[in-house]
Amino acid sequence: MSTFEWIIVLLLGAVALSALARRIKVPYPTFLAIGGALIAFVPSSPSWTLQPDLALALFVAPVLLDAAFDTSLRDLRNNWVPVSTLVVAAVGLTTAGVAVVAHRLMPDMPWAAAVALGAIVAPPDAAAAVAILSQVKLPHRMVKVLEGESLLNDASALLIYRIAVGAVATEHLTWGQVAPTMALALVGSVVAGLLAGRIIPPIMGRVTEAPSAIIVQFATTFMIWIGAEHLGLSGILTIVVYAMTMARSAGLRMPARLRVPSYAVWETMVFVLNVLAFMLIGMQMRPIWTRLEADVRWEYCVAAAWILLTVVLVRLLWVTFYRTTLRVLVAQGIYHPRDPRAVASPKGGLIISWCGMRGLVTLATAFALPENFPHRDFIVFIAFAVVLGSLVIQGLTLRPLILAFGLKDDDPVGTEVAQARAVAYRAALDAIESDPSEEAEILRLEYRAILMQAENDPKGGIANGELPADPLRRRAIDAARKSIFDLRATEVIGDDAFHRLEEELDRAELSAGG
């Protein structure tokens, strides 16, 4: 088949696999990993290649921006202790543990290359965990810890990865050379992301046509990543800070007629990029596998099993150590958490440990290794095996484990939605209170009904109501929208509640011809 025909087949196959994954309630990356492994052994399957330098920018930048855009600064700050320990300690210990095991298994492997392998398989993947967590109701705080970790651990892992790859290239890299580079990358990336988040959105706001606006969004994302990399900064950290900064004001600048198709396209592109990443890495496995002799194949498989076990055990041990230490500090009166639920229960700790599935970032960083990198075939093989193994073993067992433990969500987001909806529709009523027209009176009756529903439903059930197109209604919607922005800015509600209400108001704005 031609390349175009293969693309159609792969995309349709991915859609079928994702539908099957939803039906049996497992993360869709699990089936993508299995499909990527199988495609390596399909006769006459394509052998597409991609320049290694493009892998991170193409696969990671848009996926990371999409995740960071919806991240709540309030939730990150409230959970900074567990998130930071997972981002720094768990990633660092996993990198070190994998490097030691890899060097023991492959004694001729340079330490820098072993560290690079450790950094590649260290960060868990957001998409796989979120796919499971969206199907069950875990405690809200636990979900926010996992989302915060998956957003920021890529930056710490990729920083180690860059240093290790640089050490292989220079052969002599000292701490005195590394420390300034790390400081520049961290501080410079934050500054660059903040500046981009302030400067670029007003410029993008001048593009008012949906297709053009979406193209500009993607092009800007890639330009920021590429620019950060050329300046020696962290592309991941720059994108994360840029997206979180932009998200604070994007809703006010972007009308619903642009935001709704934009969100749909971004969601679709994240899925397509996951498909391409798993398929491309699967295609790289075939030449690696065919080049290996039978005994070497067995050696690689054994090494992959040991490294997968190391990845799982290090995370489990760290979470157990952290949880035990925190409980001791609380018991001794040394640490006083604001929220008693800040210390995870044994069941909660095990769930957090088991949410360590690897995915897109691991595949992309392995693919991005230079062609002449020492033991590149071994590293790519191990990376894919760890992704496949973690997605199959942990991905298929996570939901039954959560259900067996009976962990419940007290739904703080629903409570915030109900509270914010009441404020929003009071603002809408105030905006049209002085209008004496019959249309205004009809609209006031409708909004009072919605307000009554919000006050009677403390868990924030979605309001239903088809809204006719008229300027009066748009004025009321604008007032309601401003009120929920104010609630988020003052941290009365979090981003989850904000986005739920934003979607509700977007539908109202579109039906009002906005």
Protein backbone atom coordinates (compact mmCIF):
# COMPACT_ATOMS: atom_id res chain seq x y z
CA MET A 1 0.00 0.00 0.00
CA SER A 2 1.01 3.59 -0.48
CA THR A 3 1.91 5.89 2.40
CA PHE A 4 -1.45 7.67 2.15
CA GLU A 5 -3.36 4.38 2.30
CA TRP A 6 -1.36 3.28 5.34
CA ILE A 7 -2.13 6.54 7.12
CA ILE A 8 -5.86 6.01 6.54
CA VAL A 9 -5.66 2.41 7.76
CA LEU A 10 -3.65 3.35 10.87
CA LEU A 11 -5.95 6.22 11.84
CA LEU A 12 -9.10 4.13 11.37
CA GLY A 13 -7.46 1.28 13.28
CA ALA A 14 -6.60 3.69 16.10
CA VAL A 15 -10.22 4.91 16.23
CA ALA A 16 -11.42 1.31 16.47
CA LEU A 17 -8.89 0.54 19.22
CA SER A 18 -9.86 3.62 21.20
CA ALA A 19 -13.55 2.68 20.91
CA LEU A 20 -12.72 -0.81 22.18
CA ALA A 21 -10.70 0.70 25.02
CA ARG A 22 -13.66 2.86 26.07
CA ARG A 23 -15.97 -0.12 25.91
CA ILE A 24 -13.88 -2.28 28.21
CA LYS A 25 -12.77 0.80 30.21
CA VAL A 26 -9.00 0.75 29.82
CA PRO A 27 -6.74 3.65 28.71
CA TYR A 28 -6.60 3.91 24.93
CA PRO A 29 -2.76 4.26 24.93
CA THR A 30 -2.67 0.61 26.10
CA PHE A 31 -4.13 -0.57 22.80
CA LEU A 32 -2.04 1.92 20.84
CA ALA A 33 1.08 0.40 22.41
CA ILE A 34 -0.07 -3.10 21.50
CA GLY A 35 -0.88 -1.92 17.97
CA GLY A 36 2.54 -0.29 17.67
CA ALA A 37 4.21 -3.53 18.73
CA LEU A 38 2.17 -5.61 16.28
CA ILE A 39 2.82 -3.32 13.33
CA ALA A 40 6.52 -4.09 13.60
CA PHE A 41 5.77 -7.66 12.55
CA VAL A 42 3.12 -7.02 9.88
CA PRO A 43 4.49 -8.07 6.46
CA SER A 44 5.01 -5.17 4.07
CA SER A 45 4.25 -2.61 6.79
CA PRO A 46 5.85 0.79 6.16
CA SER A 47 9.18 1.88 7.62
CA TRP A 48 8.69 5.60 8.02
CA THR A 49 11.44 7.67 9.53
CA LEU A 50 11.49 11.03 11.25
CA GLN A 51 14.43 13.27 12.02
CA PRO A 52 15.23 12.73 15.72
CA ASP A 53 15.43 16.49 16.35
CA LEU A 54 11.78 16.87 15.31
CA ALA A 55 10.39 14.20 17.61
CA LEU A 56 10.11 16.22 20.81
CA ALA A 57 8.79 19.36 19.14
CA LEU A 58 6.23 17.46 17.06
CA PHE A 59 4.92 15.05 19.67
CA VAL A 60 5.49 16.69 23.05
CA ALA A 61 4.97 20.45 22.53
CA PRO A 62 1.25 20.47 21.55
CA VAL A 63 0.32 17.66 23.95
CA LEU A 64 2.00 19.45 26.83
CA LEU A 65 0.41 22.81 25.99
CA ASP A 66 -3.02 21.19 25.86
CA ALA A 67 -2.51 19.70 29.34
CA ALA A 68 -0.95 22.83 30.85
CA PHE A 69 -3.73 25.08 29.55
CA ASP A 70 -6.27 23.34 31.79
CA THR A 71 -4.03 23.09 34.84
CA SER A 72 -5.11 24.93 37.98
CA LEU A 73 -2.48 27.10 39.66
CA ARG A 74 -4.53 26.95 42.84
CA ASP A 75 -4.50 23.14 42.89
CA LEU A 76 -0.78 23.04 42.11
CA ARG A 77 -0.04 25.39 44.99
CA ASN A 78 -2.30 23.49 47.39
CA ASN A 79 -0.58 20.21 46.52
CA TRP A 80 2.96 21.48 45.98
CA VAL A 81 4.53 19.12 48.55
CA PRO A 82 3.43 15.77 47.04
CA VAL A 83 3.72 17.09 43.47
CA SER A 84 7.25 18.44 43.94
CA THR A 85 8.48 15.26 45.61
CA LEU A 86 7.12 13.15 42.75
CA VAL A 87 8.53 15.54 40.14
CA VAL A 88 12.00 15.80 41.69
CA ALA A 89 12.61 12.83 43.99
CA ALA A 90 10.63 10.13 42.17
CA VAL A 91 12.03 11.11 38.77
CA GLY A 92 15.58 11.42 40.13
CA LEU A 93 15.48 8.10 41.98
CA THR A 94 13.93 6.31 39.01
CA THR A 95 16.61 7.72 36.71
CA ALA A 96 19.37 6.63 39.08
CA GLY A 97 17.86 3.20 39.68
CA VAL A 98 17.40 2.46 35.98
CA ALA A 99 20.91 3.74 35.20
CA VAL A 100 22.44 1.36 37.77
CA VAL A 101 20.41 -1.64 36.55
CA ALA A 102 21.14 -0.86 32.89
CA HIS A 103 24.87 -0.52 33.55
CA ARG A 104 24.87 -3.82 35.43
CA LEU A 105 23.08 -5.54 32.57
CA MET A 106 25.22 -3.86 29.88
CA PRO A 107 28.67 -3.23 31.43
CA ASP A 108 30.02 -1.63 28.26
CA MET A 109 27.25 0.97 28.29
CA PRO A 110 28.60 4.45 29.21
CA TRP A 111 27.18 5.87 32.42
CA ALA A 112 25.90 8.93 30.59
CA ALA A 113 23.94 6.72 28.19
CA ALA A 114 22.55 4.72 31.12
CA VAL A 115 21.43 7.96 32.79
CA ALA A 116 19.80 9.05 29.52
CA LEU A 117 17.86 5.77 29.48
CA GLY A 118 16.80 6.36 33.08
CA ALA A 119 15.57 9.87 32.25
CA ILE A 120 13.68 8.54 29.22
CA VAL A 121 11.64 5.99 31.20
CA ALA A 122 11.30 8.09 34.40
CA PRO A 123 8.27 10.35 33.70
CA PRO A 124 4.77 8.79 33.81
CA ASP A 125 2.34 9.75 31.08
CA ALA A 126 -0.68 11.98 31.66
CA ALA A 127 -2.95 10.60 28.93
CA ALA A 128 -2.97 7.03 30.21
CA ALA A 129 -3.71 7.93 33.83
CA VAL A 130 -6.36 10.53 32.94
CA ALA A 131 -8.11 8.02 30.66
CA ILE A 132 -8.56 5.75 33.68
CA LEU A 133 -9.27 8.46 36.24
CA SER A 134 -12.05 9.90 34.07
CA GLN A 135 -13.91 6.57 34.33
CA VAL A 136 -13.84 6.31 38.12
CA LYS A 137 -14.35 8.88 40.86
CA LEU A 138 -11.10 9.12 42.78
CA PRO A 139 -10.76 11.74 45.53
CA HIS A 140 -10.30 15.13 43.83
CA ARG A 141 -7.02 15.88 45.61
CA MET A 142 -5.44 12.62 44.43
CA VAL A 143 -6.40 13.40 40.83
CA LYS A 144 -4.86 16.88 41.09
CA VAL A 145 -1.60 15.44 42.47
CA LEU A 146 -1.35 13.00 39.57
CA GLU A 147 -2.19 15.66 36.98
CA GLY A 148 0.34 18.10 38.47
CA GLU A 149 3.02 15.43 38.51
CA SER A 150 2.39 14.35 34.92
CA LEU A 151 2.62 17.98 33.79
CA LEU A 152 5.90 18.88 35.51
CA ASN A 153 7.85 15.62 35.68
CA ASP A 154 8.53 15.81 31.94
CA ALA A 155 10.54 18.98 32.54
CA SER A 156 12.73 17.45 35.24
CA ALA A 157 13.26 14.23 33.29
CA LEU A 158 14.08 16.04 30.05
CA LEU A 159 16.56 18.30 31.85
CA ILE A 160 18.46 15.22 33.07
CA TYR A 161 18.14 13.72 29.59
CA ARG A 162 19.66 16.81 27.93
CA ILE A 163 22.60 16.82 30.36
CA ALA A 164 23.23 13.09 29.82
CA VAL A 165 23.11 13.42 26.03
CA GLY A 166 25.46 16.41 26.27
CA ALA A 167 27.82 14.40 28.45
CA VAL A 168 28.00 11.68 25.80
CA ALA A 169 28.74 14.28 23.13
CA THR A 170 31.47 16.12 25.08
CA GLU A 171 32.80 13.07 26.97
CA HIS A 172 34.01 15.38 29.77
CA LEU A 173 31.23 17.18 31.61
CA THR A 174 31.75 18.45 35.16
CA TRP A 175 29.27 19.66 37.76
CA GLY A 176 30.69 23.15 37.37
CA GLN A 177 29.60 23.09 33.75
CA VAL A 178 26.22 21.50 34.47
CA ALA A 179 25.03 23.74 37.34
CA PRO A 180 24.99 27.03 35.39
CA THR A 181 23.25 25.29 32.51
CA MET A 182 20.55 23.94 34.82
CA ALA A 183 20.06 27.33 36.49
CA LEU A 184 19.81 29.09 33.13
CA ALA A 185 17.39 26.50 31.80
CA LEU A 186 15.10 26.72 34.83
CA VAL A 187 15.06 30.47 35.40
CA GLY A 188 15.28 31.41 31.74
CA SER A 189 12.47 29.04 30.77
CA VAL A 190 10.12 30.47 33.39
CA VAL A 191 10.89 34.04 32.32
CA ALA A 192 10.54 33.20 28.62
CA GLY A 193 7.23 31.42 29.21
CA LEU A 194 5.84 34.34 31.23
CA LEU A 195 6.87 36.87 28.57
CA ALA A 196 5.42 34.77 25.75
CA GLY A 197 2.19 34.30 27.70
CA ARG A 198 1.82 38.06 28.08
CA ILE A 199 2.93 39.20 24.62
CA ILE A 200 1.58 36.59 22.20
CA PRO A 201 -2.14 36.24 23.15
CA PRO A 202 -3.04 39.88 22.31
CA ILE A 203 -1.43 39.39 18.90
CA MET A 204 -3.25 36.09 18.35
CA GLY A 205 -6.50 37.78 19.35
CA ARG A 206 -6.40 39.80 16.14
CA VAL A 207 -7.05 36.59 14.15
CA THR A 208 -10.82 36.18 14.24
CA GLU A 209 -11.41 33.41 11.70
CA ALA A 210 -11.55 29.94 13.34
CA PRO A 211 -9.37 27.94 10.87
CA SER A 212 -6.71 30.68 10.78
CA ALA A 213 -6.79 31.11 14.57
CA ILE A 214 -6.26 27.39 15.16
CA ILE A 215 -3.36 27.26 12.68
CA VAL A 216 -1.76 30.23 14.45
CA GLN A 217 -2.17 28.47 17.81
CA PHE A 218 -0.31 25.38 16.62
CA ALA A 219 2.37 27.37 14.77
CA THR A 220 2.97 29.54 17.83
CA THR A 221 3.33 26.46 20.04
CA PHE A 222 6.02 25.00 17.79
CA MET A 223 7.78 28.36 17.45
CA ILE A 224 7.98 28.80 21.23
CA TRP A 225 9.40 25.30 21.67
CA ILE A 226 11.95 25.73 18.87
CA GLY A 227 12.93 29.19 20.11
CA ALA A 228 13.45 27.91 23.66
CA GLU A 229 15.61 25.04 22.43
CA HIS A 230 17.76 27.38 20.31
CA LEU A 231 18.32 29.57 23.38
CA GLY A 232 19.42 26.58 25.45
CA LEU A 233 16.26 26.67 27.58
CA SER A 234 13.86 23.90 28.50
CA GLY A 235 11.21 23.64 25.82
CA ILE A 236 8.91 21.73 28.15
CA LEU A 237 9.10 24.22 31.02
CA THR A 238 8.73 27.18 28.65
CA ILE A 239 5.60 25.67 27.06
CA VAL A 240 4.08 24.83 30.45
CA VAL A 241 4.59 28.36 31.83
CA TYR A 242 3.39 29.91 28.55
CA ALA A 243 0.20 27.83 28.50
CA MET A 244 -0.64 28.46 32.15
CA THR A 245 -0.04 32.20 31.75
CA MET A 246 -2.08 32.41 28.57
CA ALA A 247 -4.95 30.43 30.10
CA ARG A 248 -5.58 33.11 32.72
CA SER A 249 -6.81 35.60 30.10
CA ALA A 250 -7.55 33.56 26.99
CA GLY A 251 -11.22 33.11 27.86
CA LEU A 252 -11.89 36.83 27.93
CA ARG A 253 -10.09 37.45 24.64
CA MET A 254 -11.44 34.50 22.69
CA PRO A 255 -15.14 34.34 21.75
CA ALA A 256 -17.05 31.08 21.99
CA ARG A 257 -17.23 30.70 18.19
CA LEU A 258 -13.42 30.37 18.21
CA ARG A 259 -12.94 28.53 21.50
CA VAL A 260 -15.36 25.66 20.85
CA PRO A 261 -13.83 24.52 17.51
CA SER A 262 -10.35 25.22 18.87
CA TYR A 263 -10.83 22.86 21.82
CA ALA A 264 -12.24 20.18 19.51
CA VAL A 265 -9.30 20.41 17.11
CA TRP A 266 -6.73 20.31 19.91
CA GLU A 267 -8.35 17.24 21.43
CA THR A 268 -8.29 15.52 18.04
CA MET A 269 -4.66 16.46 17.38
CA VAL A 270 -3.53 15.11 20.76
CA PHE A 271 -5.12 11.80 19.83
CA VAL A 272 -3.52 11.79 16.37
CA LEU A 273 -0.08 12.60 17.79
CA ASN A 274 -0.37 9.73 20.25
CA VAL A 275 -1.28 7.43 17.36
CA LEU A 276 1.67 8.57 15.24
CA ALA A 277 4.14 8.31 18.11
CA PHE A 278 3.19 4.74 18.97
CA MET A 279 3.14 3.68 15.32
CA LEU A 280 6.46 5.32 14.44
CA ILE A 281 8.23 3.77 17.40
CA GLY A 282 6.66 0.42 16.51
CA MET A 283 8.15 0.78 13.03
CA GLN A 284 11.59 1.41 14.54
CA MET A 285 11.35 -1.87 16.44
CA ARG A 286 11.32 -4.06 13.36
CA PRO A 287 14.82 -3.18 12.04
CA ILE A 288 16.16 -3.34 15.61
CA TRP A 289 14.61 -6.77 16.14
CA THR A 290 15.79 -8.16 12.80
CA ARG A 291 19.37 -7.00 13.43
CA LEU A 292 19.57 -8.91 16.71
CA GLU A 293 20.62 -12.52 16.99
CA ALA A 294 18.40 -14.91 18.91
CA ASP A 295 20.47 -14.90 22.10
CA VAL A 296 20.76 -11.09 22.03
CA ARG A 297 16.99 -10.80 21.60
CA TRP A 298 16.51 -12.83 24.76
CA GLU A 299 19.09 -10.66 26.54
CA TYR A 300 17.22 -7.49 25.53
CA CYS A 301 13.88 -8.93 26.69
CA VAL A 302 15.32 -9.90 30.07
CA ALA A 303 16.86 -6.45 30.43
CA ALA A 304 13.51 -4.85 29.57
CA ALA A 305 11.77 -6.93 32.26
CA TRP A 306 14.33 -5.92 34.90
CA ILE A 307 14.10 -2.24 34.01
CA LEU A 308 10.30 -2.32 33.99
CA LEU A 309 10.41 -3.92 37.45
CA THR A 310 12.85 -1.23 38.61
CA VAL A 311 10.60 1.56 37.33
CA VAL A 312 7.56 0.15 39.14
CA LEU A 313 9.37 -0.66 42.41
CA VAL A 314 11.19 2.67 42.73
CA ARG A 315 7.92 4.59 42.45
CA LEU A 316 6.18 2.26 44.90
CA LEU A 317 9.02 2.53 47.43
CA TRP A 318 9.24 6.31 47.13
CA VAL A 319 5.49 6.87 47.60
CA THR A 320 5.52 4.50 50.60
CA PHE A 321 8.54 6.27 52.11
CA TYR A 322 7.01 9.71 51.53
CA ARG A 323 3.64 8.73 53.00
CA THR A 324 5.23 7.10 56.06
CA THR A 325 7.55 10.04 56.66
CA LEU A 326 4.70 12.52 56.40
CA ARG A 327 2.60 10.57 58.88
CA VAL A 328 5.48 10.50 61.37
CA LEU A 329 6.03 14.25 60.98
CA VAL A 330 2.33 14.92 61.56
CA ALA A 331 2.23 12.60 64.59
CA GLN A 332 5.27 14.36 66.08
CA GLY A 333 3.69 17.76 65.53
CA ILE A 334 6.49 18.84 63.19
CA TYR A 335 4.29 19.17 60.10
CA HIS A 336 0.78 20.63 60.17
CA PRO A 337 -1.04 20.18 56.85
CA ARG A 338 -3.93 22.55 56.21
CA ASP A 339 -5.98 19.64 54.89
CA PRO A 340 -5.98 16.41 56.96
CA ARG A 341 -6.42 14.52 53.68
CA ALA A 342 -2.97 15.72 52.57
CA VAL A 343 -1.52 12.48 53.93
CA ALA A 344 -2.63 9.67 51.65
CA SER A 345 -4.04 6.48 53.10
CA PRO A 346 -2.25 3.17 52.36
CA LYS A 347 -4.84 2.49 49.64
CA GLY A 348 -4.42 5.97 48.19
CA GLY A 349 -0.64 5.63 48.23
CA LEU A 350 -0.84 2.34 46.34
CA ILE A 351 -3.13 3.88 43.70
CA ILE A 352 -0.72 6.80 43.20
CA SER A 353 2.15 4.31 42.89
CA TRP A 354 0.24 2.24 40.34
CA CYS A 355 -0.54 5.32 38.19
CA GLY A 356 3.01 5.26 36.84
CA MET A 357 2.26 4.23 33.27
CA ARG A 358 4.69 5.50 30.65
CA GLY A 359 3.68 6.83 27.28
CA LEU A 360 4.17 9.56 24.71
CA VAL A 361 7.04 11.50 26.31
CA THR A 362 9.07 8.32 26.84
CA LEU A 363 8.58 7.32 23.21
CA ALA A 364 9.41 10.79 21.88
CA THR A 365 12.60 11.21 23.93
CA ALA A 366 13.83 7.76 22.91
CA PHE A 367 13.12 8.58 19.28
CA ALA A 368 14.92 11.92 19.65
CA LEU A 369 18.27 10.32 20.50
CA PRO A 370 20.93 11.04 17.85
CA GLU A 371 21.46 8.21 15.36
CA ASN A 372 25.05 7.66 16.57
CA PHE A 373 24.18 7.63 20.27
CA PRO A 374 25.81 4.72 22.16
CA HIS A 375 23.47 1.72 22.50
CA ARG A 376 20.66 3.61 20.80
CA ASP A 377 18.93 0.41 19.62
CA PHE A 378 19.01 -0.98 23.15
CA ILE A 379 17.61 2.24 24.63
CA VAL A 380 14.80 2.50 22.05
CA PHE A 381 13.93 -1.17 22.59
CA ILE A 382 13.85 -0.77 26.38
CA ALA A 383 11.81 2.44 26.18
CA PHE A 384 9.14 0.83 24.03
CA ALA A 385 9.10 -2.30 26.19
CA VAL A 386 8.65 -0.24 29.38
CA VAL A 387 5.82 1.75 27.79
CA LEU A 388 4.13 -1.41 26.52
CA GLY A 389 4.62 -3.31 29.78
CA SER A 390 3.43 -0.49 32.05
CA LEU A 391 0.38 0.27 29.90
CA VAL A 392 -0.65 -3.37 29.70
CA ILE A 393 0.09 -4.44 33.29
CA GLN A 394 -0.84 -1.25 35.14
CA GLY A 395 -3.34 0.08 32.60
CA LEU A 396 -5.47 -3.07 32.64
CA THR A 397 -5.40 -3.50 36.42
CA LEU A 398 -5.70 0.10 37.66
CA ARG A 399 -9.46 0.44 37.35
CA PRO A 400 -10.25 -2.89 39.08
CA LEU A 401 -7.82 -1.91 41.84
CA ILE A 402 -9.53 1.45 42.36
CA LEU A 403 -12.97 -0.17 42.42
CA ALA A 404 -11.76 -2.82 44.89
CA PHE A 405 -10.43 -0.17 47.26
CA GLY A 406 -13.73 1.74 47.14
CA LEU A 407 -12.16 5.21 47.13
CA LYS A 408 -14.80 7.91 46.76
CA ASP A 409 -14.84 11.48 45.48
CA ASP A 410 -16.59 14.09 47.61
CA ASP A 411 -17.06 16.15 44.39
CA PRO A 412 -15.71 19.56 45.44
CA VAL A 413 -15.82 20.63 41.79
CA GLY A 414 -19.59 20.10 41.63
CA THR A 415 -20.01 22.18 44.76
CA GLU A 416 -17.90 24.97 43.27
CA VAL A 417 -19.88 24.80 40.01
CA ALA A 418 -23.16 25.24 41.87
CA GLN A 419 -21.74 28.17 43.84
CA ALA A 420 -20.28 29.84 40.74
CA ARG A 421 -23.41 29.27 38.67
CA ALA A 422 -25.47 31.09 41.27
CA VAL A 423 -23.05 34.04 41.19
CA ALA A 424 -22.92 34.02 37.38
CA TYR A 425 -26.67 34.11 36.85
CA ARG A 426 -27.15 36.75 39.52
CA ALA A 427 -24.68 38.84 37.52
CA ALA A 428 -26.65 38.08 34.36
CA LEU A 429 -29.86 39.22 36.05
CA ASP A 430 -28.22 42.40 37.29
CA ALA A 431 -27.01 43.18 33.77
CA ILE A 432 -30.57 43.25 32.38
CA GLU A 433 -32.49 44.31 35.51
CA SER A 434 -33.11 47.86 34.30
CA ASP A 435 -34.37 46.87 30.85
CA PRO A 436 -38.18 47.33 30.74
CA SER A 437 -38.78 45.35 27.54
CA GLU A 438 -40.90 42.22 27.33
CA GLU A 439 -37.89 40.28 26.06
CA ALA A 440 -35.92 41.27 29.17
CA GLU A 441 -38.74 40.11 31.44
CA ILE A 442 -38.85 36.72 29.68
CA LEU A 443 -35.10 36.43 30.02
CA ARG A 444 -35.25 37.36 33.71
CA LEU A 445 -37.79 34.60 34.30
CA GLU A 446 -35.53 32.09 32.58
CA TYR A 447 -32.45 33.15 34.56
CA ARG A 448 -34.38 33.10 37.84
CA ALA A 449 -35.39 29.50 37.05
CA ILE A 450 -31.73 28.60 36.41
CA LEU A 451 -30.71 30.42 39.59
CA MET A 452 -33.31 28.49 41.58
CA GLN A 453 -31.99 25.24 40.09
CA ALA A 454 -28.43 26.20 41.04
CA GLU A 455 -29.46 26.99 44.63
CA ASN A 456 -31.36 23.71 44.96
CA ASP A 457 -28.58 21.56 43.48
CA PRO A 458 -25.44 21.84 45.64
CA LYS A 459 -23.55 19.45 43.36
CA GLY A 460 -23.72 21.65 40.29
CA GLY A 461 -25.96 19.83 37.86
CA ILE A 462 -25.68 21.26 34.35
CA ALA A 463 -28.34 23.83 33.54
CA ASN A 464 -30.52 23.07 30.53
CA GLY A 465 -32.09 25.74 28.41
CA GLU A 466 -32.08 26.66 24.74
CA LEU A 467 -31.40 30.36 24.34
CA PRO A 468 -32.63 32.47 21.39
CA ALA A 469 -30.31 34.86 19.65
CA ASP A 470 -30.58 38.45 20.83
CA PRO A 471 -28.21 41.21 21.99
CA LEU A 472 -29.86 41.35 25.41
CA ARG A 473 -28.96 37.75 26.14
CA ARG A 474 -25.37 38.26 24.98
CA ARG A 475 -25.05 41.19 27.37
CA ALA A 476 -26.23 38.98 30.22
CA ILE A 477 -23.86 36.19 29.19
CA ASP A 478 -20.94 38.62 29.14
CA ALA A 479 -21.77 39.66 32.70
CA ALA A 480 -22.03 36.02 33.79
CA ARG A 481 -18.73 35.19 32.11
CA LYS A 482 -16.94 38.07 33.81
CA SER A 483 -18.23 36.91 37.18
CA ILE A 484 -16.78 33.41 36.83
CA PHE A 485 -13.44 34.91 35.73
CA ASP A 486 -13.45 36.98 38.90
CA LEU A 487 -14.26 33.88 40.96
CA ARG A 488 -11.33 32.03 39.43
CA ALA A 489 -8.99 34.99 39.81
CA THR A 490 -9.82 35.22 43.52
CA GLU A 491 -9.56 31.38 43.77
CA VAL A 492 -13.10 30.97 45.05
CA ILE A 493 -13.39 28.27 42.38
CA GLY A 494 -10.75 26.18 40.65
CA ASP A 495 -10.08 25.67 36.97
CA ASP A 496 -12.17 22.50 36.75
CA ALA A 497 -15.30 24.31 37.89
CA PHE A 498 -14.39 27.31 35.74
CA HIS A 499 -14.04 25.27 32.54
CA ARG A 500 -17.31 23.44 33.20
CA LEU A 501 -19.18 26.73 33.48
CA GLU A 502 -17.23 28.24 30.60
CA GLU A 503 -18.49 25.41 28.38
CA GLU A 504 -22.05 26.05 29.56
CA LEU A 505 -21.80 29.77 28.79
CA ASP A 506 -20.16 29.03 25.43
CA ARG A 507 -23.18 27.00 24.39
CA ALA A 508 -25.43 29.85 25.50
CA GLU A 509 -23.32 32.39 23.61
CA LEU A 510 -23.35 30.34 20.41
CA SER A 511 -27.11 29.87 20.58
CA ALA A 512 -27.40 33.63 21.05
CA GLY A 513 -25.51 34.21 17.81
CA GLY A 514 -22.28 35.25 19.58
